[in-house]
Amino acid sequence: MHRLLARFVDDECGATAIEYCLIAAGISIVIVTTVNGVGSMLSTKFTEVSTSIK
C-alpha cells in the first residue's frame, strides 16, 4: 500500500496535461481577442469605403 501511495504522489503525467491545457487556453484567448479586434477594424474600413463610394 505504501508503494502505491508513493507512486501516486510521484506521478506527474496529469499535472503536465493540465499545464498544456492551460497554455492552449491562453493561446486561444489571445487568438480570439486578436481576431475580434481585426474584425472590428475591417468592418469600420469597409463602412468607410462604402460611404465614400456612395
N, C-alpha and C. Protein backbone atom coordinates (compact mmCIF):
# COMPACT_ATOMS: atom_id res chain seq x y z
N MET A 1 0.83 -1.19 0.00
CA MET A 1 0.00 0.00 0.00
C MET A 1 0.87 1.26 0.00
N HIS A 2 1.94 1.21 0.77
CA HIS A 2 2.83 2.36 0.85
C HIS A 2 3.45 2.66 -0.51
N ARG A 3 3.84 1.62 -1.23
CA ARG A 3 4.46 1.79 -2.55
C ARG A 3 3.45 2.41 -3.54
N LEU A 4 2.20 1.98 -3.47
CA LEU A 4 1.17 2.51 -4.35
C LEU A 4 0.96 4.00 -4.09
N LEU A 5 0.92 4.38 -2.84
CA LEU A 5 0.75 5.79 -2.48
C LEU A 5 1.95 6.61 -2.93
N ALA A 6 3.15 6.08 -2.78
CA ALA A 6 4.36 6.79 -3.21
C ALA A 6 4.37 6.97 -4.72
N ARG A 7 3.95 5.94 -5.47
CA ARG A 7 3.88 6.05 -6.93
C ARG A 7 2.85 7.10 -7.35
N PHE A 8 1.73 7.15 -6.65
CA PHE A 8 0.69 8.13 -6.96
C PHE A 8 1.19 9.56 -6.73
N VAL A 9 1.91 9.78 -5.65
CA VAL A 9 2.42 11.11 -5.33
C VAL A 9 3.49 11.53 -6.33
N ASP A 10 4.32 10.60 -6.80
CA ASP A 10 5.40 10.93 -7.73
C ASP A 10 4.94 11.07 -9.17
N ASP A 11 3.74 10.61 -9.50
CA ASP A 11 3.25 10.66 -10.89
C ASP A 11 2.88 12.09 -11.26
N GLU A 12 3.50 12.61 -12.33
CA GLU A 12 3.25 13.99 -12.75
C GLU A 12 2.60 14.07 -14.13
N CYS A 13 2.14 12.97 -14.67
CA CYS A 13 1.54 12.97 -16.02
C CYS A 13 0.30 13.85 -16.06
N GLY A 14 -0.55 13.77 -15.07
CA GLY A 14 -1.77 14.58 -15.04
C GLY A 14 -1.46 16.06 -14.93
N ALA A 15 -0.46 16.41 -14.14
CA ALA A 15 -0.08 17.81 -13.98
C ALA A 15 0.43 18.37 -15.30
N THR A 16 1.19 17.59 -16.04
CA THR A 16 1.71 18.04 -17.33
C THR A 16 0.57 18.27 -18.31
N ALA A 17 -0.40 17.37 -18.33
CA ALA A 17 -1.55 17.53 -19.22
C ALA A 17 -2.33 18.79 -18.88
N ILE A 18 -2.51 19.05 -17.60
CA ILE A 18 -3.22 20.26 -17.18
C ILE A 18 -2.45 21.50 -17.59
N GLU A 19 -1.14 21.47 -17.45
CA GLU A 19 -0.32 22.63 -17.85
C GLU A 19 -0.46 22.90 -19.34
N TYR A 20 -0.43 21.84 -20.16
CA TYR A 20 -0.60 22.02 -21.60
C TYR A 20 -1.98 22.58 -21.93
N CYS A 21 -3.00 22.13 -21.22
CA CYS A 21 -4.35 22.65 -21.44
C CYS A 21 -4.44 24.13 -21.09
N LEU A 22 -3.80 24.53 -20.02
CA LEU A 22 -3.81 25.94 -19.64
C LEU A 22 -3.08 26.80 -20.66
N ILE A 23 -1.97 26.29 -21.19
CA ILE A 23 -1.23 27.02 -22.23
C ILE A 23 -2.10 27.15 -23.48
N ALA A 24 -2.75 26.06 -23.88
CA ALA A 24 -3.61 26.09 -25.06
C ALA A 24 -4.78 27.05 -24.86
N ALA A 25 -5.35 27.08 -23.67
CA ALA A 25 -6.45 28.00 -23.39
C ALA A 25 -5.98 29.45 -23.47
N GLY A 26 -4.80 29.73 -22.94
CA GLY A 26 -4.26 31.09 -23.02
C GLY A 26 -4.02 31.53 -24.45
N ILE A 27 -3.45 30.64 -25.25
CA ILE A 27 -3.21 30.96 -26.66
C ILE A 27 -4.53 31.18 -27.38
N SER A 28 -5.53 30.37 -27.08
CA SER A 28 -6.84 30.52 -27.71
C SER A 28 -7.47 31.86 -27.38
N ILE A 29 -7.34 32.29 -26.14
CA ILE A 29 -7.90 33.59 -25.74
C ILE A 29 -7.22 34.71 -26.51
N VAL A 30 -5.91 34.64 -26.66
CA VAL A 30 -5.18 35.66 -27.41
C VAL A 30 -5.64 35.68 -28.87
N ILE A 31 -5.80 34.52 -29.47
CA ILE A 31 -6.22 34.44 -30.87
C ILE A 31 -7.62 35.02 -31.05
N VAL A 32 -8.55 34.64 -30.19
CA VAL A 32 -9.92 35.14 -30.29
C VAL A 32 -9.97 36.65 -30.11
N THR A 33 -9.23 37.17 -29.16
CA THR A 33 -9.20 38.61 -28.93
C THR A 33 -8.63 39.34 -30.13
N THR A 34 -7.56 38.82 -30.71
CA THR A 34 -6.94 39.44 -31.87
C THR A 34 -7.87 39.43 -33.07
N VAL A 35 -8.48 38.29 -33.34
CA VAL A 35 -9.39 38.18 -34.48
C VAL A 35 -10.59 39.11 -34.30
N ASN A 36 -11.09 39.21 -33.09
CA ASN A 36 -12.21 40.11 -32.81
C ASN A 36 -11.82 41.56 -33.08
N GLY A 37 -10.64 41.96 -32.65
CA GLY A 37 -10.18 43.33 -32.89
C GLY A 37 -9.97 43.62 -34.36
N VAL A 38 -9.37 42.69 -35.07
CA VAL A 38 -9.13 42.86 -36.51
C VAL A 38 -10.46 42.91 -37.25
N GLY A 39 -11.41 42.08 -36.85
CA GLY A 39 -12.73 42.07 -37.48
C GLY A 39 -13.44 43.40 -37.31
N SER A 40 -13.33 44.00 -36.15
CA SER A 40 -13.94 45.31 -35.91
C SER A 40 -13.29 46.38 -36.78
N MET A 41 -11.97 46.33 -36.89
CA MET A 41 -11.27 47.32 -37.72
C MET A 41 -11.65 47.15 -39.19
N LEU A 42 -11.75 45.92 -39.66
CA LEU A 42 -12.13 45.69 -41.05
C LEU A 42 -13.55 46.16 -41.32
N SER A 43 -14.44 45.93 -40.39
CA SER A 43 -15.82 46.39 -40.55
C SER A 43 -15.87 47.90 -40.67
N THR A 44 -15.10 48.59 -39.85
CA THR A 44 -15.05 50.05 -39.92
C THR A 44 -14.50 50.51 -41.26
N LYS A 45 -13.45 49.89 -41.74
CA LYS A 45 -12.85 50.27 -43.03
C LYS A 45 -13.83 50.04 -44.17
N PHE A 46 -14.51 48.89 -44.18
CA PHE A 46 -15.47 48.62 -45.25
C PHE A 46 -16.63 49.61 -45.22
N THR A 47 -17.05 50.01 -44.03
CA THR A 47 -18.10 51.02 -43.91
C THR A 47 -17.63 52.35 -44.47
N GLU A 48 -16.40 52.74 -44.17
CA GLU A 48 -15.84 53.99 -44.71
C GLU A 48 -15.76 53.94 -46.23
N VAL A 49 -15.30 52.82 -46.77
CA VAL A 49 -15.19 52.68 -48.23
C VAL A 49 -16.58 52.74 -48.87
N SER A 50 -17.53 52.05 -48.27
CA SER A 50 -18.89 52.04 -48.80
C SER A 50 -19.50 53.43 -48.78
N THR A 51 -19.25 54.18 -47.72
CA THR A 51 -19.77 55.54 -47.60
C THR A 51 -19.12 56.45 -48.63
N SER A 52 -17.84 56.30 -48.85
CA SER A 52 -17.14 57.18 -49.81
C SER A 52 -17.54 56.86 -51.25
N ILE A 53 -17.93 55.64 -51.53
CA ILE A 53 -18.36 55.28 -52.89
C ILE A 53 -19.73 55.86 -53.20
N LYS A 54 -20.60 55.94 -52.22
CA LYS A 54 -21.96 56.44 -52.43
C LYS A 54 -21.95 57.88 -52.69
